[in-house]
Amino acid sequence: MSRFQPALLGGVFIGVLSSLPVVGSANACCCLWVVAGGLLTVYLQQQNRPTDVETSEAAIGGLVAGAVGAILHVILLSFLLQSTSSGVAFEEMFRAQLDRNGQVPPEVRDRVLGLLTSRTMPLVIASFMVPTYAVFGLLGSLLGKALLKKKTPPAPPSMSA
């Protein structure tokens, strides 16, 4: 297995499960899929190794898995919103909420709606998600390191005469 293959697989796990409509809602519970992706990364790193993974290697793997998962999640989410009518429905619902709230000044409402409908929205979302997912992926990998320790065999008895 190459050095970053476990992290990439953990990132794909995070990105795909976070993007699924019903399954992705479990991320509201302490970033469940992100932590699980970090844990999966450490599990894959420890395969075919006689000893434990170094803490630094597990941490870097979790960071990479979280960042890859966040980028994949943003790409899949923006693709789903653009390819279906749910993106238009979301925009209309958001516009109706802003119209109902009389305390929002018109220039702020126009600015928020302009940002919501712009092509830079995925970049804005990614600027928040990538660091968040990276940190939670790191925490998941450290949790995986603690939970998935390999048992070391006992030392052979010494033969002193």
N, C-alpha and C. Protein backbone atom coordinates (compact mmCIF):
# COMPACT_ATOMS: atom_id res chain seq x y z
N MET A 1 0.85 -1.18 0.00
CA MET A 1 0.00 0.00 0.00
C MET A 1 0.89 1.24 0.00
N SER A 2 0.58 2.20 -0.85
CA SER A 2 1.39 3.41 -0.87
C SER A 2 1.14 4.22 0.40
N ARG A 3 1.94 5.23 0.58
CA ARG A 3 1.90 5.98 1.84
C ARG A 3 0.57 6.69 2.08
N PHE A 4 0.01 7.30 1.04
CA PHE A 4 -1.20 8.09 1.22
C PHE A 4 -2.47 7.36 0.76
N GLN A 5 -2.35 6.13 0.31
CA GLN A 5 -3.54 5.41 -0.13
C GLN A 5 -4.56 5.22 0.99
N PRO A 6 -4.19 4.86 2.22
CA PRO A 6 -5.19 4.77 3.28
C PRO A 6 -5.89 6.10 3.55
N ALA A 7 -5.15 7.20 3.48
CA ALA A 7 -5.75 8.52 3.71
C ALA A 7 -6.72 8.87 2.58
N LEU A 8 -6.36 8.53 1.36
CA LEU A 8 -7.27 8.81 0.23
C LEU A 8 -8.53 7.97 0.32
N LEU A 9 -8.39 6.71 0.71
CA LEU A 9 -9.57 5.86 0.88
C LEU A 9 -10.44 6.35 2.03
N GLY A 10 -9.80 6.78 3.13
CA GLY A 10 -10.56 7.37 4.24
C GLY A 10 -11.27 8.64 3.79
N GLY A 11 -10.62 9.45 2.96
CA GLY A 11 -11.24 10.67 2.44
C GLY A 11 -12.43 10.39 1.54
N VAL A 12 -12.31 9.35 0.71
CA VAL A 12 -13.45 8.97 -0.14
C VAL A 12 -14.61 8.49 0.73
N PHE A 13 -14.31 7.73 1.76
CA PHE A 13 -15.33 7.28 2.72
C PHE A 13 -16.04 8.49 3.32
N ILE A 14 -15.27 9.47 3.78
CA ILE A 14 -15.84 10.67 4.39
C ILE A 14 -16.67 11.44 3.40
N GLY A 15 -16.13 11.70 2.22
CA GLY A 15 -16.82 12.52 1.22
C GLY A 15 -18.11 11.91 0.74
N VAL A 16 -18.09 10.61 0.46
CA VAL A 16 -19.30 9.97 -0.07
C VAL A 16 -20.38 9.87 1.00
N LEU A 17 -20.03 9.40 2.19
CA LEU A 17 -21.06 9.26 3.22
C LEU A 17 -21.58 10.60 3.71
N SER A 18 -20.74 11.63 3.71
CA SER A 18 -21.20 12.95 4.12
C SER A 18 -22.13 13.58 3.09
N SER A 19 -22.01 13.17 1.84
CA SER A 19 -22.81 13.76 0.77
C SER A 19 -24.16 13.09 0.59
N LEU A 20 -24.32 11.89 1.10
CA LEU A 20 -25.61 11.21 0.96
C LEU A 20 -26.66 11.92 1.80
N PRO A 21 -27.85 12.15 1.23
CA PRO A 21 -28.85 12.99 1.92
C PRO A 21 -29.22 12.54 3.33
N VAL A 22 -29.64 11.33 3.52
CA VAL A 22 -30.10 10.90 4.85
C VAL A 22 -28.92 10.46 5.70
N VAL A 23 -28.00 9.73 5.11
CA VAL A 23 -26.85 9.21 5.84
C VAL A 23 -25.95 10.36 6.29
N GLY A 24 -25.81 11.38 5.48
CA GLY A 24 -24.95 12.52 5.80
C GLY A 24 -25.39 13.30 7.01
N SER A 25 -26.66 13.19 7.37
CA SER A 25 -27.15 13.92 8.54
C SER A 25 -26.53 13.41 9.84
N ALA A 26 -25.94 12.21 9.82
CA ALA A 26 -25.25 11.70 11.00
C ALA A 26 -24.00 12.51 11.31
N ASN A 27 -23.53 13.31 10.36
CA ASN A 27 -22.38 14.18 10.61
C ASN A 27 -22.72 15.25 11.64
N ALA A 28 -23.99 15.50 11.86
CA ALA A 28 -24.38 16.47 12.88
C ALA A 28 -24.00 15.98 14.27
N CYS A 29 -23.79 14.69 14.40
CA CYS A 29 -23.39 14.11 15.69
C CYS A 29 -21.87 14.04 15.74
N CYS A 30 -21.26 15.15 16.13
CA CYS A 30 -19.80 15.23 16.31
C CYS A 30 -19.02 14.79 15.07
N CYS A 31 -19.49 15.17 13.90
CA CYS A 31 -18.81 14.81 12.64
C CYS A 31 -18.53 13.31 12.58
N LEU A 32 -19.57 12.52 12.75
CA LEU A 32 -19.44 11.07 12.87
C LEU A 32 -18.68 10.44 11.71
N TRP A 33 -19.04 10.77 10.47
CA TRP A 33 -18.40 10.14 9.32
C TRP A 33 -16.96 10.60 9.17
N VAL A 34 -16.65 11.81 9.60
CA VAL A 34 -15.28 12.30 9.50
C VAL A 34 -14.39 11.57 10.51
N VAL A 35 -14.89 11.43 11.72
CA VAL A 35 -14.13 10.69 12.73
C VAL A 35 -13.98 9.23 12.31
N ALA A 36 -15.04 8.65 11.78
CA ALA A 36 -14.97 7.26 11.31
C ALA A 36 -13.99 7.12 10.15
N GLY A 37 -13.92 8.12 9.29
CA GLY A 37 -12.95 8.09 8.19
C GLY A 37 -11.52 8.16 8.70
N GLY A 38 -11.27 8.95 9.73
CA GLY A 38 -9.94 8.98 10.34
C GLY A 38 -9.59 7.65 10.98
N LEU A 39 -10.57 7.03 11.63
CA LEU A 39 -10.37 5.72 12.23
C LEU A 39 -10.08 4.67 11.16
N LEU A 40 -10.81 4.72 10.04
CA LEU A 40 -10.59 3.81 8.93
C LEU A 40 -9.20 3.99 8.34
N THR A 41 -8.73 5.22 8.29
CA THR A 41 -7.39 5.49 7.77
C THR A 41 -6.33 4.78 8.60
N VAL A 42 -6.44 4.86 9.92
CA VAL A 42 -5.46 4.19 10.78
C VAL A 42 -5.57 2.68 10.65
N TYR A 43 -6.80 2.18 10.55
CA TYR A 43 -6.98 0.74 10.37
C TYR A 43 -6.28 0.27 9.09
N LEU A 44 -6.45 1.01 8.00
CA LEU A 44 -5.81 0.63 6.74
C LEU A 44 -4.29 0.81 6.80
N GLN A 45 -3.82 1.80 7.55
CA GLN A 45 -2.38 1.98 7.69
C GLN A 45 -1.74 0.82 8.44
N GLN A 46 -2.46 0.23 9.37
CA GLN A 46 -1.90 -0.85 10.20
C GLN A 46 -1.96 -2.21 9.53
N GLN A 47 -2.65 -2.32 8.42
CA GLN A 47 -2.71 -3.60 7.73
C GLN A 47 -1.32 -3.96 7.22
N ASN A 48 -0.98 -5.22 7.28
CA ASN A 48 0.30 -5.75 6.80
C ASN A 48 1.50 -5.13 7.51
N ARG A 49 1.34 -4.73 8.74
CA ARG A 49 2.45 -4.22 9.55
C ARG A 49 2.53 -5.03 10.83
N PRO A 50 3.72 -5.38 11.22
CA PRO A 50 3.84 -6.12 12.48
C PRO A 50 3.73 -5.23 13.72
N THR A 51 3.99 -3.92 13.55
CA THR A 51 3.97 -3.01 14.70
C THR A 51 2.91 -1.94 14.48
N ASP A 52 2.71 -1.12 15.52
CA ASP A 52 1.75 -0.02 15.44
C ASP A 52 2.23 1.06 14.49
N VAL A 53 1.30 1.82 14.00
CA VAL A 53 1.61 3.00 13.19
C VAL A 53 2.12 4.09 14.12
N GLU A 54 3.08 4.85 13.65
CA GLU A 54 3.57 5.98 14.44
C GLU A 54 2.45 7.00 14.61
N THR A 55 2.46 7.70 15.72
CA THR A 55 1.43 8.71 15.98
C THR A 55 1.45 9.81 14.93
N SER A 56 2.63 10.23 14.52
CA SER A 56 2.72 11.30 13.52
C SER A 56 2.16 10.85 12.19
N GLU A 57 2.41 9.60 11.81
CA GLU A 57 1.89 9.08 10.55
C GLU A 57 0.37 8.97 10.60
N ALA A 58 -0.16 8.54 11.73
CA ALA A 58 -1.61 8.45 11.89
C ALA A 58 -2.24 9.84 11.83
N ALA A 59 -1.59 10.82 12.48
CA ALA A 59 -2.13 12.19 12.49
C ALA A 59 -2.14 12.79 11.09
N ILE A 60 -1.06 12.62 10.35
CA ILE A 60 -1.00 13.16 8.98
C ILE A 60 -2.03 12.46 8.10
N GLY A 61 -2.17 11.15 8.28
CA GLY A 61 -3.19 10.42 7.51
C GLY A 61 -4.59 10.93 7.80
N GLY A 62 -4.89 11.20 9.07
CA GLY A 62 -6.21 11.73 9.43
C GLY A 62 -6.44 13.12 8.87
N LEU A 63 -5.41 13.98 8.90
CA LEU A 63 -5.53 15.32 8.32
C LEU A 63 -5.81 15.25 6.83
N VAL A 64 -5.06 14.41 6.13
CA VAL A 64 -5.24 14.27 4.68
C VAL A 64 -6.62 13.69 4.37
N ALA A 65 -7.03 12.68 5.13
CA ALA A 65 -8.35 12.07 4.90
C ALA A 65 -9.46 13.09 5.11
N GLY A 66 -9.36 13.90 6.16
CA GLY A 66 -10.38 14.91 6.41
C GLY A 66 -10.43 15.96 5.31
N ALA A 67 -9.26 16.42 4.85
CA ALA A 67 -9.23 17.43 3.79
C ALA A 67 -9.76 16.87 2.48
N VAL A 68 -9.37 15.66 2.14
CA VAL A 68 -9.87 15.02 0.90
C VAL A 68 -11.38 14.81 1.00
N GLY A 69 -11.84 14.36 2.16
CA GLY A 69 -13.28 14.16 2.35
C GLY A 69 -14.07 15.44 2.22
N ALA A 70 -13.54 16.54 2.76
CA ALA A 70 -14.24 17.82 2.68
C ALA A 70 -14.30 18.31 1.24
N ILE A 71 -13.20 18.20 0.51
CA ILE A 71 -13.18 18.64 -0.88
C ILE A 71 -14.15 17.80 -1.71
N LEU A 72 -14.13 16.50 -1.50
CA LEU A 72 -15.05 15.62 -2.22
C LEU A 72 -16.50 15.92 -1.85
N HIS A 73 -16.75 16.19 -0.59
CA HIS A 73 -18.10 16.52 -0.13
C HIS A 73 -18.60 17.81 -0.79
N VAL A 74 -17.76 18.82 -0.85
CA VAL A 74 -18.15 20.09 -1.47
C VAL A 74 -18.42 19.89 -2.95
N ILE A 75 -17.57 19.12 -3.63
CA ILE A 75 -17.76 18.88 -5.06
C ILE A 75 -19.07 18.13 -5.30
N LEU A 76 -19.30 17.06 -4.54
CA LEU A 76 -20.52 16.29 -4.72
C LEU A 76 -21.76 17.10 -4.36
N LEU A 77 -21.67 17.87 -3.29
CA LEU A 77 -22.81 18.67 -2.87
C LEU A 77 -23.15 19.75 -3.89
N SER A 78 -22.14 20.44 -4.41
CA SER A 78 -22.43 21.48 -5.41
C SER A 78 -22.94 20.86 -6.70
N PHE A 79 -22.43 19.68 -7.06
CA PHE A 79 -22.93 19.00 -8.25
C PHE A 79 -24.39 18.59 -8.07
N LEU A 80 -24.72 18.06 -6.88
CA LEU A 80 -26.10 17.65 -6.63
C LEU A 80 -27.05 18.84 -6.62
N LEU A 81 -26.62 19.96 -6.03
CA LEU A 81 -27.49 21.13 -5.99
C LEU A 81 -27.68 21.75 -7.37
N GLN A 82 -26.67 21.69 -8.22
CA GLN A 82 -26.79 22.27 -9.55
C GLN A 82 -27.55 21.36 -10.51
N SER A 83 -27.45 20.05 -10.30
CA SER A 83 -28.07 19.13 -11.25
C SER A 83 -29.52 18.80 -10.92
N THR A 84 -29.98 19.14 -9.74
CA THR A 84 -31.36 18.84 -9.38
C THR A 84 -32.13 20.13 -9.13
N SER A 85 -33.38 19.99 -8.98
CA SER A 85 -34.21 21.16 -8.69
C SER A 85 -34.16 21.55 -7.22
N SER A 86 -33.50 20.74 -6.40
CA SER A 86 -33.44 21.07 -4.97
C SER A 86 -32.63 22.33 -4.73
N GLY A 87 -31.66 22.61 -5.59
CA GLY A 87 -30.89 23.85 -5.46
C GLY A 87 -31.75 25.07 -5.68
N VAL A 88 -32.65 25.02 -6.66
CA VAL A 88 -33.57 26.12 -6.93
C VAL A 88 -34.57 26.25 -5.78
N ALA A 89 -35.06 25.12 -5.29
CA ALA A 89 -36.01 25.14 -4.17
C ALA A 89 -35.35 25.71 -2.92
N PHE A 90 -34.10 25.37 -2.69
CA PHE A 90 -33.38 25.89 -1.53
C PHE A 90 -33.22 27.40 -1.65
N GLU A 91 -32.88 27.86 -2.84
CA GLU A 91 -32.71 29.31 -3.05
C GLU A 91 -34.02 30.05 -2.83
N GLU A 92 -35.11 29.50 -3.35
CA GLU A 92 -36.43 30.14 -3.17
C GLU A 92 -36.84 30.14 -1.70
N MET A 93 -36.58 29.05 -1.00
CA MET A 93 -36.91 28.97 0.42
C MET A 93 -36.09 30.00 1.21
N PHE A 94 -34.81 30.12 0.89
CA PHE A 94 -33.95 31.08 1.57
C PHE A 94 -34.40 32.51 1.29
N ARG A 95 -34.77 32.77 0.04
CA ARG A 95 -35.26 34.10 -0.34
C ARG A 95 -36.55 34.44 0.42
N ALA A 96 -37.45 33.46 0.54
CA ALA A 96 -38.71 33.68 1.26
C ALA A 96 -38.45 33.96 2.74
N GLN A 97 -37.49 33.26 3.32
CA GLN A 97 -37.15 33.51 4.72
C GLN A 97 -36.61 34.92 4.92
N LEU A 98 -35.77 35.36 4.00
CA LEU A 98 -35.22 36.71 4.11
C LEU A 98 -36.31 37.77 3.90
N ASP A 99 -37.25 37.49 3.00
CA ASP A 99 -38.34 38.45 2.76
C ASP A 99 -39.26 38.56 3.97
N ARG A 100 -39.47 37.45 4.68
CA ARG A 100 -40.34 37.47 5.85
C ARG A 100 -39.73 38.23 7.02
N ASN A 101 -38.42 38.26 7.09
CA ASN A 101 -37.75 38.93 8.19
C ASN A 101 -37.58 40.40 7.82
N GLY A 102 -38.36 41.27 8.46
CA GLY A 102 -38.33 42.70 8.15
C GLY A 102 -37.12 43.42 8.71
N GLN A 103 -36.37 42.78 9.58
CA GLN A 103 -35.22 43.43 10.19
C GLN A 103 -33.98 43.41 9.31
N VAL A 104 -33.99 42.60 8.26
CA VAL A 104 -32.84 42.51 7.37
C VAL A 104 -32.90 43.67 6.38
N PRO A 105 -31.88 44.54 6.38
CA PRO A 105 -31.88 45.65 5.42
C PRO A 105 -31.82 45.13 3.98
N PRO A 106 -32.41 45.85 3.05
CA PRO A 106 -32.44 45.37 1.66
C PRO A 106 -31.06 45.14 1.06
N GLU A 107 -30.08 45.98 1.39
CA GLU A 107 -28.75 45.79 0.82
C GLU A 107 -28.08 44.52 1.35
N VAL A 108 -28.37 44.17 2.61
CA VAL A 108 -27.82 42.93 3.18
C VAL A 108 -28.51 41.73 2.52
N ARG A 109 -29.82 41.84 2.35
CA ARG A 109 -30.57 40.75 1.70
C ARG A 109 -30.06 40.51 0.29
N ASP A 110 -29.83 41.58 -0.46
CA ASP A 110 -29.33 41.43 -1.83
C ASP A 110 -27.92 40.84 -1.84
N ARG A 111 -27.11 41.25 -0.88
CA ARG A 111 -25.73 40.75 -0.81
C ARG A 111 -25.72 39.26 -0.48
N VAL A 112 -26.57 38.84 0.48
CA VAL A 112 -26.63 37.43 0.87
C VAL A 112 -27.16 36.59 -0.28
N LEU A 113 -28.20 37.05 -0.95
CA LEU A 113 -28.74 36.30 -2.09
C LEU A 113 -27.73 36.24 -3.24
N GLY A 114 -26.98 37.33 -3.44
CA GLY A 114 -25.95 37.32 -4.47
C GLY A 114 -24.86 36.31 -4.16
N LEU A 115 -24.48 36.22 -2.89
CA LEU A 115 -23.46 35.25 -2.49
C LEU A 115 -23.99 33.83 -2.62
N LEU A 116 -25.25 33.63 -2.27
CA LEU A 116 -25.84 32.31 -2.33
C LEU A 116 -25.92 31.80 -3.76
N THR A 117 -26.20 32.67 -4.70
CA THR A 117 -26.37 32.24 -6.09
C THR A 117 -25.08 32.33 -6.89
N SER A 118 -23.99 32.81 -6.29
CA SER A 118 -22.75 32.97 -7.05
C SER A 118 -22.03 31.63 -7.20
N ARG A 119 -21.09 31.62 -8.10
CA ARG A 119 -20.28 30.41 -8.32
C ARG A 119 -19.20 30.25 -7.28
N THR A 120 -18.99 31.27 -6.47
CA THR A 120 -17.96 31.18 -5.43
C THR A 120 -18.47 30.54 -4.15
N MET A 121 -19.75 30.23 -4.09
CA MET A 121 -20.31 29.63 -2.88
C MET A 121 -19.62 28.33 -2.49
N PRO A 122 -19.30 27.42 -3.44
CA PRO A 122 -18.56 26.23 -3.02
C PRO A 122 -17.20 26.55 -2.40
N LEU A 123 -16.56 27.61 -2.85
CA LEU A 123 -15.27 28.00 -2.25
C LEU A 123 -15.46 28.52 -0.83
N VAL A 124 -16.55 29.25 -0.61
CA VAL A 124 -16.85 29.74 0.73
C VAL A 124 -17.13 28.57 1.67
N ILE A 125 -17.92 27.62 1.19
CA ILE A 125 -18.24 26.44 1.99
C ILE A 125 -16.96 25.64 2.26
N ALA A 126 -16.13 25.48 1.25
CA ALA A 126 -14.89 24.71 1.40
C ALA A 126 -13.94 25.38 2.38
N SER A 127 -13.94 26.71 2.43
CA SER A 127 -13.02 27.40 3.34
C SER A 127 -13.37 27.12 4.80
N PHE A 128 -14.60 26.73 5.07
CA PHE A 128 -14.98 26.34 6.43
C PHE A 128 -14.88 24.83 6.64
N MET A 129 -15.24 24.07 5.62
CA MET A 129 -15.31 22.62 5.77
C MET A 129 -13.94 21.95 5.79
N VAL A 130 -13.01 22.40 4.95
CA VAL A 130 -11.72 21.72 4.87
C VAL A 130 -10.98 21.76 6.21
N PRO A 131 -10.84 22.93 6.86
CA PRO A 131 -10.17 22.89 8.17
C PRO A 131 -10.94 22.09 9.22
N THR A 132 -12.26 22.21 9.21
CA THR A 132 -13.07 21.48 10.20
C THR A 132 -12.94 19.98 10.00
N TYR A 133 -13.10 19.52 8.78
CA TYR A 133 -12.99 18.09 8.50
C TYR A 133 -11.58 17.60 8.76
N ALA A 134 -10.57 18.40 8.47
CA ALA A 134 -9.18 17.98 8.70
C ALA A 134 -8.94 17.77 10.20
N VAL A 135 -9.44 18.68 11.02
CA VAL A 135 -9.25 18.54 12.47
C VAL A 135 -9.99 17.32 13.00
N PHE A 136 -11.23 17.12 12.56
CA PHE A 136 -11.98 15.97 13.05
C PHE A 136 -11.43 14.66 12.49
N GLY A 137 -10.87 14.69 11.27
CA GLY A 137 -10.19 13.51 10.74
C GLY A 137 -8.95 13.17 11.56
N LEU A 138 -8.22 14.22 11.97
CA LEU A 138 -7.07 14.04 12.84
C LEU A 138 -7.49 13.41 14.16
N LEU A 139 -8.58 13.92 14.76
CA LEU A 139 -9.06 13.36 16.03
C LEU A 139 -9.50 11.91 15.86
N GLY A 140 -10.13 11.61 14.73
CA GLY A 140 -10.54 10.23 14.47
C GLY A 140 -9.35 9.30 14.30
N SER A 141 -8.30 9.79 13.66
CA SER A 141 -7.12 8.94 13.48
C SER A 141 -6.41 8.71 14.82
N LEU A 142 -6.37 9.72 15.67
CA LEU A 142 -5.76 9.52 16.99
C LEU A 142 -6.60 8.58 17.84
N LEU A 143 -7.93 8.67 17.71
CA LEU A 143 -8.80 7.72 18.39
C LEU A 143 -8.57 6.31 17.86
N GLY A 144 -8.43 6.20 16.55
CA GLY A 144 -8.14 4.90 15.96
C GLY A 144 -6.81 4.34 16.41
N LYS A 145 -5.83 5.20 16.55
CA LYS A 145 -4.51 4.76 17.03
C LYS A 145 -4.63 4.20 18.45
N ALA A 146 -5.44 4.86 19.28
CA ALA A 146 -5.61 4.38 20.65
C ALA A 146 -6.43 3.10 20.72
N LEU A 147 -7.45 2.98 19.87
CA LEU A 147 -8.34 1.82 19.94
C LEU A 147 -7.79 0.60 19.21
N LEU A 148 -7.03 0.81 18.16
CA LEU A 148 -6.60 -0.29 17.31
C LEU A 148 -5.14 -0.68 17.53
N LYS A 149 -4.67 -0.55 18.75
CA LYS A 149 -3.28 -0.93 19.04
C LYS A 149 -3.11 -2.42 18.80
N LYS A 150 -1.99 -2.75 18.20
CA LYS A 150 -1.68 -4.17 18.00
C LYS A 150 -1.08 -4.72 19.29
N LYS A 151 -1.46 -5.92 19.59
CA LYS A 151 -0.93 -6.56 20.79
C LYS A 151 0.47 -7.08 20.48
N THR A 152 1.40 -6.67 21.29
CA THR A 152 2.76 -7.15 21.10
C THR A 152 2.91 -8.50 21.78
N PRO A 153 3.56 -9.42 21.11
CA PRO A 153 3.73 -10.74 21.73
C PRO A 153 4.68 -10.63 22.93
N PRO A 154 4.49 -11.49 23.92
CA PRO A 154 5.37 -11.42 25.08
C PRO A 154 6.82 -11.75 24.68
N ALA A 155 7.72 -11.17 25.40
CA ALA A 155 9.13 -11.43 25.12
C ALA A 155 9.47 -12.88 25.44
N PRO A 156 10.33 -13.47 24.65
CA PRO A 156 10.69 -14.87 24.95
C PRO A 156 11.47 -14.94 26.25
N PRO A 157 11.30 -16.02 26.99
CA PRO A 157 12.01 -16.12 28.27
C PRO A 157 13.51 -16.18 28.02
N SER A 158 14.22 -15.52 28.90
CA SER A 158 15.67 -15.50 28.75
C SER A 158 16.26 -16.82 29.27
N MET A 159 17.29 -17.25 28.65
CA MET A 159 17.91 -18.52 29.00
C MET A 159 19.21 -18.23 29.76
N SER A 160 19.07 -17.94 31.02
CA SER A 160 20.27 -17.71 31.82
C SER A 160 20.56 -18.96 32.65
N ALA A 161 21.79 -19.35 32.66
CA ALA A 161 22.12 -20.60 33.36
C ALA A 161 22.93 -20.36 34.58
